[in-house]
Amino acid sequence: AYTLLNANQYDKSICGKYCGKVTSSPSNHLTKLLCAKLATNLTNLSDVLKSVASPDDRCSYLTYWTYDKIASILKNRWTSAHYNNAIQEINQVIYRVNHELEKHGKNCSYNLYSNVDHWKDEKALHDYFNIHGDIINCVSTNQGGCSKYCDYINYINELYKEYVTHCCSCYSYPKVLCLDNCPKFFKCNKAYYPYDLMLKLNCRNYNPSERIDHIFKAITFDTDVLRRSQTATGFTCNGLICNPIDATILVAVTLLGIFFTLFVFYKVTNSIFMCN
């Protein structure tokens, strides 16, 4: 996917429409070129990455392609005012293009932010989850040479353990259900645990890691325990708001009801105004 985004030639008319105001950067020419390619890729994303089935996956690839490009252009200038200005300008371009795409339901909304270390971590995790199947296939088909992945997966394993507590929220009903808090770059399915993949690859001379069940136990919210503790303290909670998913649905339905009421009020008020 990244190769396709790199290879796509920028459209001069799209560049002129969205990139005319991109001026502030110590590498002005490179930043304008990035803007031109970004605006073109974003405008035509469904065609450029037509081999990627999911719109969300296409958007994620473009997001981390943008991170990688802006990082390479502005390397060694992370604390400069030029960096902040360039980020703001690229974000404005992304917003303007998406504003047009929203009319056709083809938008891919994202923003660049200033924490470069997080950019690198997110991209590394995003790419791992997308090539996980290829690594599994290497093992299952006995292709040979799969051990070349060991150093890479060991690096990913450390990132995984660092981000899993932030990116995954699990609940027991009593069956465990995990919610993805970082859907662009992290998947909470236990099957993706990097260390288990290292064991399948028979990677040697690496520090052992804890079992995936132990990791997920630490981030699993047990509703039964909570209810028993509430009963013991004389407080019980049996309503919808005590169930995180039900509470989310309740909020969503309430908001829809409010918006519908406001819409009806607007239509009635507008009709009365027109009659008068």
Protein backbone atom coordinates (compact mmCIF):
# COMPACT_ATOMS: atom_id res chain seq x y z
CA ALA A 1 0.00 0.00 0.00
CA TYR A 2 2.80 2.44 0.84
CA THR A 3 4.43 1.67 -2.52
CA LEU A 4 1.20 2.59 -4.32
CA LEU A 5 0.92 5.86 -2.40
CA ASN A 6 4.53 6.70 -3.23
CA ALA A 7 4.16 5.84 -6.91
CA ASN A 8 0.99 7.84 -7.52
CA GLN A 9 1.78 11.04 -9.44
CA TYR A 10 0.34 14.24 -8.05
CA ASP A 11 -2.39 16.11 -9.92
CA LYS A 12 -1.42 19.70 -10.75
CA SER A 13 -4.99 20.97 -10.52
CA ILE A 14 -5.43 19.38 -7.07
CA CYS A 15 -2.09 20.85 -6.01
CA GLY A 16 -3.15 24.31 -7.14
CA LYS A 17 -6.48 24.01 -5.37
CA TYR A 18 -5.19 22.95 -1.95
CA CYS A 19 -1.46 23.68 -1.68
CA GLY A 20 -1.11 27.30 -2.75
CA LYS A 21 -0.80 28.55 0.83
CA VAL A 22 1.80 26.03 1.97
CA THR A 23 4.81 28.31 2.41
CA SER A 24 6.38 27.95 5.86
CA SER A 25 9.07 25.30 6.02
CA PRO A 26 12.84 25.14 5.98
CA SER A 27 12.37 22.56 3.21
CA ASN A 28 9.66 24.49 1.39
CA HIS A 29 9.90 22.63 -1.92
CA LEU A 30 9.70 19.21 -0.24
CA THR A 31 6.77 20.27 1.92
CA LYS A 32 4.86 21.55 -1.11
CA LEU A 33 5.61 18.31 -2.95
CA LEU A 34 4.28 16.34 0.03
CA CYS A 35 1.17 18.51 0.05
CA ALA A 36 0.61 17.86 -3.65
CA LYS A 37 0.98 14.09 -3.30
CA LEU A 38 -1.04 14.00 -0.08
CA ALA A 39 -3.94 16.00 -1.51
CA THR A 40 -3.93 13.84 -4.66
CA ASN A 41 -3.76 10.56 -2.73
CA LEU A 42 -6.47 11.67 -0.32
CA THR A 43 -8.77 12.85 -3.12
CA ASN A 44 -8.37 9.59 -5.07
CA LEU A 45 -7.75 7.22 -2.16
CA SER A 46 -10.36 4.61 -3.13
CA ASP A 47 -8.75 4.33 -6.59
CA VAL A 48 -5.10 4.50 -5.50
CA LEU A 49 -5.59 1.78 -2.86
CA LYS A 50 -8.37 -0.14 -4.59
CA SER A 51 -6.57 -3.38 -3.69
CA VAL A 52 -7.25 -2.60 -0.01
CA ALA A 53 -10.84 -3.65 0.64
CA SER A 54 -11.66 -1.70 3.81
CA PRO A 55 -12.08 2.11 3.68
CA ASP A 56 -10.79 2.27 7.26
CA ASP A 57 -7.66 0.34 6.29
CA ARG A 58 -7.08 2.62 3.30
CA CYS A 59 -7.36 5.62 5.60
CA SER A 60 -4.94 4.10 8.11
CA TYR A 61 -2.35 3.46 5.41
CA LEU A 62 -2.62 7.07 4.21
CA THR A 63 -2.35 8.34 7.79
CA TYR A 64 0.93 6.54 8.49
CA TRP A 65 2.28 7.25 5.01
CA THR A 66 1.79 10.95 5.81
CA TYR A 67 3.51 10.57 9.20
CA ASP A 68 6.49 8.88 7.59
CA LYS A 69 6.84 11.51 4.85
CA ILE A 70 6.55 14.55 7.12
CA ALA A 71 9.05 12.97 9.52
CA SER A 72 11.61 12.44 6.76
CA ILE A 73 11.21 16.02 5.50
CA LEU A 74 11.44 17.69 8.90
CA LYS A 75 13.99 15.42 10.59
CA ASN A 76 16.35 17.20 13.01
CA ARG A 77 13.98 20.19 13.14
CA TRP A 78 11.41 18.81 15.62
CA THR A 79 11.60 21.75 18.04
CA SER A 80 11.65 24.52 15.44
CA ALA A 81 8.82 26.91 14.66
CA HIS A 82 9.04 25.72 11.05
CA TYR A 83 7.99 22.26 12.19
CA ASN A 84 4.88 23.51 13.99
CA ASN A 85 3.91 25.71 11.05
CA ALA A 86 4.33 22.87 8.57
CA ILE A 87 2.20 20.55 10.71
CA GLN A 88 -0.56 23.16 10.97
CA GLU A 89 -0.53 23.78 7.23
CA ILE A 90 -0.67 20.08 6.34
CA ASN A 91 -3.54 19.61 8.81
CA GLN A 92 -5.41 22.47 7.13
CA VAL A 93 -4.91 20.81 3.75
CA ILE A 94 -6.23 17.50 5.11
CA TYR A 95 -9.27 19.32 6.51
CA ARG A 96 -10.03 21.18 3.27
CA VAL A 97 -9.78 18.06 1.12
CA ASN A 98 -11.96 16.08 3.51
CA HIS A 99 -14.52 18.89 3.56
CA GLU A 100 -15.00 18.32 -0.17
CA LEU A 101 -14.92 14.53 0.11
CA GLU A 102 -17.60 14.49 2.82
CA LYS A 103 -20.14 15.51 0.17
CA HIS A 104 -19.55 12.14 -1.50
CA GLY A 105 -19.00 10.09 1.65
CA LYS A 106 -15.35 9.40 0.79
CA ASN A 107 -13.55 11.35 3.50
CA CYS A 108 -10.56 10.06 5.47
CA SER A 109 -10.26 12.29 8.52
CA TYR A 110 -7.07 12.48 10.58
CA ASN A 111 -4.71 15.04 12.08
CA LEU A 112 -0.97 15.16 12.51
CA TYR A 113 0.24 15.92 16.02
CA SER A 114 3.60 16.82 17.47
CA ASN A 115 4.71 13.70 19.38
CA VAL A 116 7.13 12.14 16.90
CA ASP A 117 7.91 9.10 19.07
CA HIS A 118 4.23 8.19 19.06
CA TRP A 119 4.17 8.51 15.27
CA LYS A 120 6.93 5.93 14.98
CA ASP A 121 5.34 3.58 17.52
CA GLU A 122 1.89 3.79 15.96
CA LYS A 123 3.19 3.17 12.45
CA ALA A 124 5.27 0.21 13.62
CA LEU A 125 2.27 -1.37 15.38
CA HIS A 126 -0.08 -0.59 12.48
CA ASP A 127 2.26 -2.27 10.01
CA TYR A 128 2.76 -5.30 12.27
CA PHE A 129 -0.96 -6.04 12.51
CA ASN A 130 -1.23 -5.80 8.73
CA ILE A 131 1.67 -8.18 7.95
CA HIS A 132 0.88 -10.60 10.79
CA GLY A 133 -0.91 -12.90 8.35
CA ASP A 134 2.12 -13.00 6.04
CA ILE A 135 4.38 -14.06 8.92
CA ILE A 136 1.90 -16.76 10.00
CA ASN A 137 1.80 -17.99 6.41
CA CYS A 138 5.60 -18.18 6.35
CA VAL A 139 5.52 -20.44 9.42
CA SER A 140 2.59 -22.64 8.36
CA THR A 141 3.97 -23.32 4.87
CA ASN A 142 7.51 -24.07 6.08
CA GLN A 143 8.98 -21.59 3.63
CA GLY A 144 12.27 -21.36 5.52
CA GLY A 145 14.07 -18.22 6.52
CA CYS A 146 11.20 -17.13 8.77
CA SER A 147 13.63 -16.55 11.63
CA LYS A 148 14.55 -13.27 9.92
CA TYR A 149 11.43 -11.84 11.59
CA CYS A 150 12.63 -12.58 15.14
CA ASP A 151 14.40 -9.28 15.86
CA TYR A 152 11.51 -7.34 14.34
CA ILE A 153 8.84 -9.16 16.34
CA ASN A 154 10.85 -8.83 19.55
CA TYR A 155 10.84 -5.05 19.00
CA ILE A 156 7.09 -5.10 18.31
CA ASN A 157 6.52 -7.20 21.43
CA GLU A 158 7.93 -4.43 23.63
CA LEU A 159 5.70 -1.85 21.92
CA TYR A 160 2.70 -4.16 22.26
CA LYS A 161 3.15 -4.48 26.03
CA GLU A 162 3.58 -0.73 26.33
CA TYR A 163 0.39 0.15 24.43
CA VAL A 164 -2.01 -2.70 25.23
CA THR A 165 -3.18 -1.22 28.54
CA HIS A 166 -4.06 2.06 26.82
CA CYS A 167 -5.50 0.63 23.61
CA CYS A 168 -7.63 -2.23 24.97
CA SER A 169 -10.53 -2.14 27.44
CA CYS A 170 -11.97 -5.55 28.29
CA TYR A 171 -15.17 -6.45 30.14
CA SER A 172 -16.64 -9.76 31.36
CA TYR A 173 -20.37 -10.41 30.84
CA PRO A 174 -19.29 -13.17 31.95
CA LYS A 175 -17.74 -13.77 28.50
CA VAL A 176 -14.82 -11.41 27.91
CA LEU A 177 -15.36 -8.65 25.37
CA CYS A 178 -12.54 -6.28 24.42
CA LEU A 179 -12.98 -2.85 22.89
CA ASP A 180 -10.36 -1.36 20.54
CA ASN A 181 -9.48 2.11 21.83
CA CYS A 182 -6.83 2.67 19.12
CA PRO A 183 -8.52 1.18 16.03
CA LYS A 184 -6.12 2.78 13.55
CA PHE A 185 -3.04 0.98 14.82
CA PHE A 186 -3.88 -1.64 17.47
CA LYS A 187 -6.02 -4.79 17.47
CA CYS A 188 -7.02 -6.34 20.77
CA ASN A 189 -7.49 -9.89 19.48
CA LYS A 190 -5.20 -12.16 21.51
CA ALA A 191 -4.21 -14.01 18.33
CA TYR A 192 -1.93 -11.09 17.42
CA TYR A 193 0.26 -11.34 20.54
CA PRO A 194 3.84 -10.96 19.20
CA TYR A 195 5.50 -13.23 21.76
CA ASP A 196 3.30 -16.18 20.77
CA LEU A 197 4.46 -15.58 17.21
CA MET A 198 8.08 -15.64 18.39
CA LEU A 199 7.45 -19.06 19.95
CA LYS A 200 6.02 -20.34 16.65
CA LEU A 201 9.11 -19.03 14.86
CA ASN A 202 11.30 -20.77 17.47
CA CYS A 203 13.14 -17.52 18.13
CA ARG A 204 16.08 -18.02 20.51
CA ASN A 205 18.13 -15.87 22.88
CA TYR A 206 15.32 -13.45 23.70
CA ASN A 207 13.97 -12.57 27.11
CA PRO A 208 10.81 -14.52 27.97
CA SER A 209 7.53 -12.63 28.07
CA GLU A 210 4.42 -13.15 30.14
CA ARG A 211 1.46 -15.13 28.83
CA ILE A 212 -1.19 -13.25 26.90
CA ASP A 213 -3.94 -14.35 29.31
CA HIS A 214 -2.05 -12.73 32.17
CA ILE A 215 -1.68 -9.47 30.21
CA PHE A 216 -5.38 -9.33 29.38
CA LYS A 217 -6.42 -10.28 32.90
CA ALA A 218 -4.83 -7.04 34.11
CA ILE A 219 -6.98 -4.96 31.74
CA THR A 220 -10.25 -6.89 32.11
CA PHE A 221 -13.03 -5.23 34.08
CA ASP A 222 -15.04 -7.88 35.96
CA THR A 223 -18.61 -6.61 36.33
CA ASP A 224 -19.58 -9.49 38.63
CA VAL A 225 -16.89 -8.54 41.16
CA LEU A 226 -17.98 -4.91 40.99
CA ARG A 227 -21.61 -5.77 41.64
CA ARG A 228 -20.69 -7.99 44.59
CA SER A 229 -18.54 -5.23 46.09
CA GLN A 230 -21.38 -2.74 45.61
CA THR A 231 -23.78 -5.09 47.39
CA ALA A 232 -21.33 -5.53 50.27
CA THR A 233 -21.07 -1.77 50.74
CA GLY A 234 -24.84 -1.29 50.55
CA PHE A 235 -24.79 0.20 47.07
CA THR A 236 -26.23 -1.63 44.10
CA CYS A 237 -26.33 -0.57 40.53
CA ASN A 238 -28.77 -2.34 38.26
CA GLY A 239 -29.53 0.29 35.66
CA LEU A 240 -28.33 0.72 32.12
CA ILE A 241 -25.50 3.03 33.16
CA CYS A 242 -23.86 0.18 35.08
CA ASN A 243 -23.15 -1.69 31.87
CA PRO A 244 -20.48 0.16 29.84
CA ILE A 245 -21.81 -0.98 26.46
CA ASP A 246 -25.47 -0.42 27.39
CA ALA A 247 -24.51 3.01 28.71
CA THR A 248 -22.83 3.86 25.41
CA ILE A 249 -25.93 2.78 23.48
CA LEU A 250 -28.14 4.79 25.84
CA VAL A 251 -26.08 7.93 25.28
CA ALA A 252 -26.15 7.44 21.51
CA VAL A 253 -29.94 6.94 21.45
CA THR A 254 -30.43 9.97 23.70
CA LEU A 255 -28.33 12.17 21.42
CA LEU A 256 -30.23 10.96 18.37
CA GLY A 257 -33.49 11.81 20.13
CA ILE A 258 -32.26 15.30 20.96
CA PHE A 259 -31.08 15.92 17.39
CA PHE A 260 -34.41 14.66 16.00
CA THR A 261 -36.38 16.92 18.36
CA LEU A 262 -34.28 19.94 17.37
CA PHE A 263 -34.76 19.08 13.69
CA VAL A 264 -38.56 18.89 14.08
CA PHE A 265 -38.54 22.16 16.04
CA TYR A 266 -36.50 23.81 13.28
CA LYS A 267 -38.85 22.58 10.53
CA VAL A 268 -41.96 23.73 12.40
CA THR A 269 -40.45 27.11 13.24
CA ASN A 270 -39.28 27.58 9.67
CA SER A 271 -42.74 26.72 8.32
CA ILE A 272 -44.41 29.24 10.63
CA PHE A 273 -41.89 31.89 9.59
CA MET A 274 -42.54 31.20 5.89
CA CYS A 275 -46.30 31.43 6.39
CA ASN A 276 -45.99 34.77 8.16
